[in-house]
PDB file of all heavy atoms in Angstrom:
ATOM      1  N   GLY A   1       0.782  -1.214   0.000  1.00  0.00           N
ATOM      2  CA  GLY A   1       0.000   0.000   0.000  1.00  0.00           C
ATOM      3  C   GLY A   1       0.817   1.268   0.000  1.00  0.00           C
ATOM      4  O   GLY A   1       0.900   1.973  -1.005  1.00  0.00           O
ATOM      5  N   PHE A   2       1.474   1.567   1.145  1.00  0.00           N
ATOM      6  CA  PHE A   2       2.009   2.910   1.328  1.00  0.00           C
ATOM      7  C   PHE A   2       3.507   2.996   1.590  1.00  0.00           C
ATOM      8  O   PHE A   2       4.035   4.105   1.725  1.00  0.00           O
ATOM      9  CB  PHE A   2       1.264   3.592   2.486  1.00  0.00           C
ATOM     10  CG  PHE A   2      -0.210   3.723   2.250  1.00  0.00           C
ATOM     11  CD1 PHE A   2      -1.104   2.822   2.804  1.00  0.00           C
ATOM     12  CD2 PHE A   2      -0.712   4.726   1.440  1.00  0.00           C
ATOM     13  CE1 PHE A   2      -2.463   2.931   2.585  1.00  0.00           C
ATOM     14  CE2 PHE A   2      -2.066   4.845   1.203  1.00  0.00           C
ATOM     15  CZ  PHE A   2      -2.948   3.953   1.777  1.00  0.00           C
ATOM     16  N   TRP A   3       4.198   1.878   1.671  1.00  0.00           N
ATOM     17  CA  TRP A   3       5.628   1.930   1.996  1.00  0.00           C
ATOM     18  C   TRP A   3       6.336   0.762   1.312  1.00  0.00           C
ATOM     19  O   TRP A   3       6.258  -0.368   1.756  1.00  0.00           O
ATOM     20  CB  TRP A   3       5.836   1.861   3.505  1.00  0.00           C
ATOM     21  CG  TRP A   3       7.272   1.970   3.944  1.00  0.00           C
ATOM     22  CD1 TRP A   3       8.040   0.970   4.479  1.00  0.00           C
ATOM     23  CD2 TRP A   3       8.107   3.131   3.927  1.00  0.00           C
ATOM     24  NE1 TRP A   3       9.291   1.435   4.793  1.00  0.00           N
ATOM     25  CE2 TRP A   3       9.364   2.770   4.461  1.00  0.00           C
ATOM     26  CE3 TRP A   3       7.908   4.446   3.509  1.00  0.00           C
ATOM     27  CZ2 TRP A   3      10.412   3.683   4.583  1.00  0.00           C
ATOM     28  CZ3 TRP A   3       8.963   5.344   3.634  1.00  0.00           C
ATOM     29  CH2 TRP A   3      10.187   4.968   4.159  1.00  0.00           C
ATOM     30  N   ASN A   4       7.019   1.077   0.253  1.00  0.00           N
ATOM     31  CA  ASN A   4       7.769   0.062  -0.481  1.00  0.00           C
ATOM     32  C   ASN A   4       9.197   0.022   0.064  1.00  0.00           C
ATOM     33  O   ASN A   4      10.172   0.349  -0.617  1.00  0.00           O
ATOM     34  CB  ASN A   4       7.783   0.399  -1.975  1.00  0.00           C
ATOM     35  CG  ASN A   4       8.460  -0.683  -2.801  1.00  0.00           C
ATOM     36  OD1 ASN A   4       8.378  -1.860  -2.485  1.00  0.00           O
ATOM     37  ND2 ASN A   4       9.138  -0.279  -3.860  1.00  0.00           N
ATOM     38  N   GLY A   5       9.289  -0.372   1.333  1.00  0.00           N
ATOM     39  CA  GLY A   5      10.579  -0.426   2.014  1.00  0.00           C
ATOM     40  C   GLY A   5      10.481  -1.331   3.221  1.00  0.00           C
ATOM     41  O   GLY A   5       9.500  -2.048   3.410  1.00  0.00           O
ATOM     42  N   THR A   6      11.500  -1.290   4.066  1.00  0.00           N
ATOM     43  CA  THR A   6      11.539  -2.146   5.244  1.00  0.00           C
ATOM     44  C   THR A   6      11.118  -1.377   6.499  1.00  0.00           C
ATOM     45  O   THR A   6      11.013  -0.149   6.493  1.00  0.00           O
ATOM     46  CB  THR A   6      12.952  -2.694   5.467  1.00  0.00           C
ATOM     47  OG1 THR A   6      13.828  -1.593   5.778  1.00  0.00           O
ATOM     48  CG2 THR A   6      13.473  -3.414   4.223  1.00  0.00           C
ATOM     49  N   LYS A   7      10.923  -2.145   7.567  1.00  0.00           N
ATOM     50  CA  LYS A   7      10.610  -1.532   8.855  1.00  0.00           C
ATOM     51  C   LYS A   7      11.758  -0.633   9.306  1.00  0.00           C
ATOM     52  O   LYS A   7      11.530   0.492   9.774  1.00  0.00           O
ATOM     53  CB  LYS A   7      10.344  -2.620   9.896  1.00  0.00           C
ATOM     54  CG  LYS A   7       9.960  -2.106  11.268  1.00  0.00           C
ATOM     55  CD  LYS A   7       9.934  -3.195  12.317  1.00  0.00           C
ATOM     56  CE  LYS A   7       8.919  -4.267  12.017  1.00  0.00           C
ATOM     57  NZ  LYS A   7       8.829  -5.282  13.099  1.00  0.00           N
ATOM     58  N   SER A   8      12.981  -1.108   9.161  1.00  0.00           N
ATOM     59  CA  SER A   8      14.140  -0.313   9.580  1.00  0.00           C
ATOM     60  C   SER A   8      14.260   0.976   8.778  1.00  0.00           C
ATOM     61  O   SER A   8      14.654   2.021   9.318  1.00  0.00           O
ATOM     62  CB  SER A   8      15.427  -1.135   9.439  1.00  0.00           C
ATOM     63  OG  SER A   8      15.429  -2.229  10.339  1.00  0.00           O
ATOM     64  N   GLN A   9      13.920   0.915   7.507  1.00  0.00           N
ATOM     65  CA  GLN A   9      13.966   2.132   6.693  1.00  0.00           C
ATOM     66  C   GLN A   9      12.923   3.145   7.159  1.00  0.00           C
ATOM     67  O   GLN A   9      13.179   4.349   7.156  1.00  0.00           O
ATOM     68  CB  GLN A   9      13.741   1.781   5.219  1.00  0.00           C
ATOM     69  CG  GLN A   9      14.936   1.131   4.549  1.00  0.00           C
ATOM     70  CD  GLN A   9      14.652   0.731   3.114  1.00  0.00           C
ATOM     71  OE1 GLN A   9      13.592   0.162   2.810  1.00  0.00           O
ATOM     72  NE2 GLN A   9      15.579   1.034   2.227  1.00  0.00           N
ATOM     73  N   TYR A  10      11.769   2.648   7.568  1.00  0.00           N
ATOM     74  CA  TYR A  10      10.776   3.573   8.120  1.00  0.00           C
ATOM     75  C   TYR A  10      11.277   4.181   9.426  1.00  0.00           C
ATOM     76  O   TYR A  10      11.135   5.401   9.660  1.00  0.00           O
ATOM     77  CB  TYR A  10       9.426   2.900   8.361  1.00  0.00           C
ATOM     78  CG  TYR A  10       8.527   3.816   9.173  1.00  0.00           C
ATOM     79  CD1 TYR A  10       7.923   4.929   8.586  1.00  0.00           C
ATOM     80  CD2 TYR A  10       8.356   3.627  10.548  1.00  0.00           C
ATOM     81  CE1 TYR A  10       7.151   5.812   9.335  1.00  0.00           C
ATOM     82  CE2 TYR A  10       7.592   4.505  11.306  1.00  0.00           C
ATOM     83  CZ  TYR A  10       6.997   5.593  10.692  1.00  0.00           C
ATOM     84  OH  TYR A  10       6.251   6.478  11.436  1.00  0.00           O
ATOM     85  N   PHE A  11      11.850   3.362  10.292  1.00  0.00           N
ATOM     86  CA  PHE A  11      12.341   3.887  11.565  1.00  0.00           C
ATOM     87  C   PHE A  11      13.381   4.977  11.343  1.00  0.00           C
ATOM     88  O   PHE A  11      13.412   5.979  12.055  1.00  0.00           O
ATOM     89  CB  PHE A  11      12.911   2.755  12.412  1.00  0.00           C
ATOM     90  CG  PHE A  11      11.874   1.826  12.998  1.00  0.00           C
ATOM     91  CD1 PHE A  11      12.253   0.646  13.622  1.00  0.00           C
ATOM     92  CD2 PHE A  11      10.522   2.128  12.932  1.00  0.00           C
ATOM     93  CE1 PHE A  11      11.313  -0.207  14.168  1.00  0.00           C
ATOM     94  CE2 PHE A  11       9.562   1.281  13.465  1.00  0.00           C
ATOM     95  CZ  PHE A  11       9.963   0.105  14.092  1.00  0.00           C
ATOM     96  N   GLU A  12      14.243   4.792  10.355  1.00  0.00           N
ATOM     97  CA  GLU A  12      15.235   5.826  10.045  1.00  0.00           C
ATOM     98  C   GLU A  12      14.546   7.080   9.501  1.00  0.00           C
ATOM     99  O   GLU A  12      14.961   8.212   9.813  1.00  0.00           O
ATOM    100  CB  GLU A  12      16.255   5.302   9.040  1.00  0.00           C
ATOM    101  CG  GLU A  12      17.319   6.316   8.620  1.00  0.00           C
ATOM    102  CD  GLU A  12      18.209   6.775   9.761  1.00  0.00           C
ATOM    103  OE1 GLU A  12      18.369   6.015  10.754  1.00  0.00           O
ATOM    104  OE2 GLU A  12      18.754   7.896   9.665  1.00  0.00           O
ATOM    105  N   LEU A  13      13.490   6.900   8.708  1.00  0.00           N
ATOM    106  CA  LEU A  13      12.735   8.051   8.219  1.00  0.00           C
ATOM    107  C   LEU A  13      12.095   8.796   9.391  1.00  0.00           C
ATOM    108  O   LEU A  13      12.094  10.038   9.424  1.00  0.00           O
ATOM    109  CB  LEU A  13      11.650   7.606   7.241  1.00  0.00           C
ATOM    110  CG  LEU A  13      10.912   8.765   6.550  1.00  0.00           C
ATOM    111  CD1 LEU A  13      11.706   9.244   5.335  1.00  0.00           C
ATOM    112  CD2 LEU A  13       9.503   8.363   6.134  1.00  0.00           C
ATOM    113  N   TYR A  14      11.573   8.053  10.351  1.00  0.00           N
ATOM    114  CA  TYR A  14      11.014   8.694  11.548  1.00  0.00           C
ATOM    115  C   TYR A  14      12.094   9.485  12.271  1.00  0.00           C
ATOM    116  O   TYR A  14      11.863  10.634  12.693  1.00  0.00           O
ATOM    117  CB  TYR A  14      10.405   7.662  12.499  1.00  0.00           C
ATOM    118  CG  TYR A  14       9.846   8.321  13.747  1.00  0.00           C
ATOM    119  CD1 TYR A  14       8.559   8.853  13.745  1.00  0.00           C
ATOM    120  CD2 TYR A  14      10.626   8.456  14.894  1.00  0.00           C
ATOM    121  CE1 TYR A  14       8.052   9.504  14.869  1.00  0.00           C
ATOM    122  CE2 TYR A  14      10.134   9.112  16.020  1.00  0.00           C
ATOM    123  CZ  TYR A  14       8.848   9.636  16.001  1.00  0.00           C
ATOM    124  OH  TYR A  14       8.366  10.294  17.100  1.00  0.00           O
ATOM    125  N   LYS A  15      13.269   8.891  12.407  1.00  0.00           N
ATOM    126  CA  LYS A  15      14.364   9.576  13.095  1.00  0.00           C
ATOM    127  C   LYS A  15      14.684  10.906  12.428  1.00  0.00           C
ATOM    128  O   LYS A  15      14.773  11.948  13.104  1.00  0.00           O
ATOM    129  CB  LYS A  15      15.599   8.683  13.113  1.00  0.00           C
ATOM    130  CG  LYS A  15      16.830   9.312  13.761  1.00  0.00           C
ATOM    131  CD  LYS A  15      18.001   8.342  13.750  1.00  0.00           C
ATOM    132  CE  LYS A  15      19.242   8.951  14.398  1.00  0.00           C
ATOM    133  NZ  LYS A  15      20.380   7.988  14.410  1.00  0.00           N
ATOM    134  N   GLN A  16      14.853  10.883  11.122  1.00  0.00           N
ATOM    135  CA  GLN A  16      15.186  12.104  10.403  1.00  0.00           C
ATOM    136  C   GLN A  16      14.056  13.139  10.500  1.00  0.00           C
ATOM    137  O   GLN A  16      14.309  14.342  10.634  1.00  0.00           O
ATOM    138  CB  GLN A  16      15.493  11.783   8.942  1.00  0.00           C
ATOM    139  CG  GLN A  16      16.731  10.925   8.741  1.00  0.00           C
ATOM    140  CD  GLN A  16      17.975  11.560   9.343  1.00  0.00           C
ATOM    141  OE1 GLN A  16      18.172  12.770   9.274  1.00  0.00           O
ATOM    142  NE2 GLN A  16      18.825  10.729   9.934  1.00  0.00           N
ATOM    143  N   SER A  17      12.825  12.667  10.456  1.00  0.00           N
ATOM    144  CA  SER A  17      11.676  13.578  10.543  1.00  0.00           C
ATOM    145  C   SER A  17      11.576  14.202  11.931  1.00  0.00           C
ATOM    146  O   SER A  17      11.359  15.418  12.066  1.00  0.00           O
ATOM    147  CB  SER A  17      10.384  12.827  10.216  1.00  0.00           C
ATOM    148  OG  SER A  17      10.456  12.204   8.952  1.00  0.00           O
ATOM    149  N   ALA A  18      11.696  13.381  12.960  1.00  0.00           N
ATOM    150  CA  ALA A  18      11.587  13.881  14.331  1.00  0.00           C
ATOM    151  C   ALA A  18      12.698  14.879  14.644  1.00  0.00           C
ATOM    152  O   ALA A  18      12.453  15.935  15.254  1.00  0.00           O
ATOM    153  CB  ALA A  18      11.625  12.716  15.317  1.00  0.00           C
ATOM    154  N   LEU A  19      13.910  14.560  14.222  1.00  0.00           N
ATOM    155  CA  LEU A  19      15.024  15.479  14.449  1.00  0.00           C
ATOM    156  C   LEU A  19      14.803  16.795  13.713  1.00  0.00           C
ATOM    157  O   LEU A  19      15.124  17.874  14.229  1.00  0.00           O
ATOM    158  CB  LEU A  19      16.333  14.832  14.011  1.00  0.00           C
ATOM    159  CG  LEU A  19      16.808  13.628  14.837  1.00  0.00           C
ATOM    160  CD1 LEU A  19      18.059  13.012  14.211  1.00  0.00           C
ATOM    161  CD2 LEU A  19      17.077  14.024  16.285  1.00  0.00           C
ATOM    162  N   ALA A  20      14.243  16.707  12.506  1.00  0.00           N
ATOM    163  CA  ALA A  20      13.992  17.923  11.726  1.00  0.00           C
ATOM    164  C   ALA A  20      12.946  18.806  12.396  1.00  0.00           C
ATOM    165  O   ALA A  20      13.130  20.023  12.516  1.00  0.00           O
ATOM    166  CB  ALA A  20      13.547  17.544  10.318  1.00  0.00           C
ATOM    167  N   VAL A  21      11.845  18.219  12.842  1.00  0.00           N
ATOM    168  CA  VAL A  21      10.787  18.990  13.502  1.00  0.00           C
ATOM    169  C   VAL A  21      11.307  19.619  14.790  1.00  0.00           C
ATOM    170  O   VAL A  21      11.114  20.820  15.046  1.00  0.00           O
ATOM    171  CB  VAL A  21       9.565  18.092  13.775  1.00  0.00           C
ATOM    172  CG1 VAL A  21       8.557  18.815  14.676  1.00  0.00           C
ATOM    173  CG2 VAL A  21       8.902  17.671  12.474  1.00  0.00           C
ATOM    174  N   LYS A  22      11.991  18.834  15.608  1.00  0.00           N
ATOM    175  CA  LYS A  22      12.465  19.326  16.899  1.00  0.00           C
ATOM    176  C   LYS A  22      13.587  20.343  16.762  1.00  0.00           C
ATOM    177  O   LYS A  22      13.814  21.156  17.680  1.00  0.00           O
ATOM    178  CB  LYS A  22      12.922  18.149  17.762  1.00  0.00           C
ATOM    179  CG  LYS A  22      11.810  17.198  18.180  1.00  0.00           C
ATOM    180  CD  LYS A  22      10.856  17.832  19.187  1.00  0.00           C
ATOM    181  CE  LYS A  22       9.850  16.810  19.707  1.00  0.00           C
ATOM    182  NZ  LYS A  22       8.956  17.360  20.752  1.00  0.00           N
ATOM    183  N   SER A  23      14.295  20.311  15.628  1.00  0.00           N
ATOM    184  CA  SER A  23      15.354  21.301  15.429  1.00  0.00           C
ATOM    185  C   SER A  23      14.791  22.704  15.304  1.00  0.00           C
ATOM    186  O   SER A  23      15.482  23.694  15.572  1.00  0.00           O
ATOM    187  CB  SER A  23      16.174  20.949  14.182  1.00  0.00           C
ATOM    188  OG  SER A  23      15.435  21.192  12.992  1.00  0.00           O
ATOM    189  N   VAL A  24      13.546  22.806  14.903  1.00  0.00           N
ATOM    190  CA  VAL A  24      12.882  24.113  14.799  1.00  0.00           C
ATOM    191  C   VAL A  24      12.444  24.588  16.175  1.00  0.00           C
ATOM    192  O   VAL A  24      12.668  25.737  16.560  1.00  0.00           O
ATOM    193  CB  VAL A  24      11.693  24.038  13.828  1.00  0.00           C
ATOM    194  CG1 VAL A  24      10.915  25.350  13.811  1.00  0.00           C
ATOM    195  CG2 VAL A  24      12.171  23.666  12.430  1.00  0.00           C
ATOM    196  N   ASN A  25      11.819  23.702  16.928  1.00  0.00           N
ATOM    197  CA  ASN A  25      11.416  24.015  18.299  1.00  0.00           C
ATOM    198  C   ASN A  25      11.147  22.705  19.015  1.00  0.00           C
ATOM    199  O   ASN A  25      10.349  21.885  18.540  1.00  0.00           O
ATOM    200  CB  ASN A  25      10.177  24.907  18.328  1.00  0.00           C
ATOM    201  CG  ASN A  25       9.855  25.405  19.718  1.00  0.00           C
ATOM    202  OD1 ASN A  25       9.462  24.650  20.600  1.00  0.00           O
ATOM    203  ND2 ASN A  25      10.026  26.711  19.932  1.00  0.00           N
ATOM    204  N   ASN A  26      11.770  22.532  20.165  1.00  0.00           N
ATOM    205  CA  ASN A  26      11.679  21.259  20.871  1.00  0.00           C
ATOM    206  C   ASN A  26      10.287  20.989  21.432  1.00  0.00           C
ATOM    207  O   ASN A  26       9.977  19.860  21.808  1.00  0.00           O
ATOM    208  CB  ASN A  26      12.702  21.218  22.006  1.00  0.00           C
ATOM    209  CG  ASN A  26      12.933  19.810  22.515  1.00  0.00           C
ATOM    210  OD1 ASN A  26      13.164  18.880  21.733  1.00  0.00           O
ATOM    211  ND2 ASN A  26      12.855  19.624  23.821  1.00  0.00           N
ATOM    212  N   GLU A  27       9.427  22.007  21.490  1.00  0.00           N
ATOM    213  CA  GLU A  27       8.080  21.808  22.017  1.00  0.00           C
ATOM    214  C   GLU A  27       7.078  21.384  20.950  1.00  0.00           C
ATOM    215  O   GLU A  27       5.921  21.097  21.264  1.00  0.00           O
ATOM    216  CB  GLU A  27       7.598  23.094  22.690  1.00  0.00           C
ATOM    217  CG  GLU A  27       8.385  23.465  23.935  1.00  0.00           C
ATOM    218  CD  GLU A  27       7.804  24.687  24.615  1.00  0.00           C
ATOM    219  OE1 GLU A  27       6.605  24.658  24.979  1.00  0.00           O
ATOM    220  OE2 GLU A  27       8.535  25.685  24.762  1.00  0.00           O
ATOM    221  N   LEU A  28       7.490  21.339  19.693  1.00  0.00           N
ATOM    222  CA  LEU A  28       6.601  20.845  18.640  1.00  0.00           C
ATOM    223  C   LEU A  28       6.396  19.345  18.816  1.00  0.00           C
ATOM    224  O   LEU A  28       7.301  18.621  19.234  1.00  0.00           O
ATOM    225  CB  LEU A  28       7.189  21.157  17.270  1.00  0.00           C
ATOM    226  CG  LEU A  28       7.357  22.645  16.954  1.00  0.00           C
ATOM    227  CD1 LEU A  28       8.010  22.820  15.587  1.00  0.00           C
ATOM    228  CD2 LEU A  28       6.014  23.377  17.000  1.00  0.00           C
ATOM    229  N   LYS A  29       5.194  18.867  18.469  1.00  0.00           N
ATOM    230  CA  LYS A  29       4.805  17.480  18.751  1.00  0.00           C
ATOM    231  C   LYS A  29       4.950  16.594  17.520  1.00  0.00           C
ATOM    232  O   LYS A  29       4.403  16.899  16.456  1.00  0.00           O
ATOM    233  CB  LYS A  29       3.360  17.443  19.265  1.00  0.00           C
ATOM    234  CG  LYS A  29       3.207  18.060  20.651  1.00  0.00           C
ATOM    235  CD  LYS A  29       1.763  18.120  21.103  1.00  0.00           C
ATOM    236  CE  LYS A  29       1.017  19.269  20.465  1.00  0.00           C
ATOM    237  NZ  LYS A  29      -0.274  19.559  21.145  1.00  0.00           N
ATOM    238  N   VAL A  30       5.679  15.492  17.696  1.00  0.00           N
ATOM    239  CA  VAL A  30       5.918  14.563  16.595  1.00  0.00           C
ATOM    240  C   VAL A  30       5.631  13.143  17.073  1.00  0.00           C
ATOM    241  O   VAL A  30       5.816  12.816  18.244  1.00  0.00           O
ATOM    242  CB  VAL A  30       7.373  14.693  16.070  1.00  0.00           C
ATOM    243  CG1 VAL A  30       8.374  14.272  17.131  1.00  0.00           C
ATOM    244  CG2 VAL A  30       7.567  13.919  14.781  1.00  0.00           C
ATOM    245  N   GLY A  31       5.161  12.292  16.158  1.00  0.00           N
ATOM    246  CA  GLY A  31       4.852  10.923  16.550  1.00  0.00           C
ATOM    247  C   GLY A  31       4.623  10.014  15.363  1.00  0.00           C
ATOM    248  O   GLY A  31       4.701  10.416  14.203  1.00  0.00           O
ATOM    249  N   GLY A  32       4.315   8.761  15.651  1.00  0.00           N
ATOM    250  CA  GLY A  32       4.078   7.708  14.680  1.00  0.00           C
ATOM    251  C   GLY A  32       3.707   6.447  15.444  1.00  0.00           C
ATOM    252  O   GLY A  32       3.366   6.523  16.618  1.00  0.00           O
TER     253      GLY A  32
END
Protein backbone atom coordinates (compact mmCIF):
# COMPACT_ATOMS: atom_id res chain seq x y z
CA GLY A 1 0.00 0.00 0.00
CA PHE A 2 2.01 2.91 1.33
CA TRP A 3 5.63 1.93 2.00
CA ASN A 4 7.77 0.06 -0.48
CA GLY A 5 10.58 -0.43 2.01
CA THR A 6 11.54 -2.15 5.24
CA LYS A 7 10.61 -1.53 8.85
CA SER A 8 14.14 -0.31 9.58
CA GLN A 9 13.97 2.13 6.69
CA TYR A 10 10.78 3.57 8.12
CA PHE A 11 12.34 3.89 11.56
CA GLU A 12 15.23 5.83 10.04
CA LEU A 13 12.74 8.05 8.22
CA TYR A 14 11.01 8.69 11.55
CA LYS A 15 14.36 9.58 13.09
CA GLN A 16 15.19 12.10 10.40
CA SER A 17 11.68 13.58 10.54
CA ALA A 18 11.59 13.88 14.33
CA LEU A 19 15.02 15.48 14.45
CA ALA A 20 13.99 17.92 11.73
CA VAL A 21 10.79 18.99 13.50
CA LYS A 22 12.46 19.33 16.90
CA SER A 23 15.35 21.30 15.43
CA VAL A 24 12.88 24.11 14.80
CA ASN A 25 11.42 24.02 18.30
CA ASN A 26 11.68 21.26 20.87
CA GLU A 27 8.08 21.81 22.02
CA LEU A 28 6.60 20.85 18.64
CA LYS A 29 4.81 17.48 18.75
CA VAL A 30 5.92 14.56 16.59
CA GLY A 31 4.85 10.92 16.55
CA GLY A 32 4.08 7.71 14.68
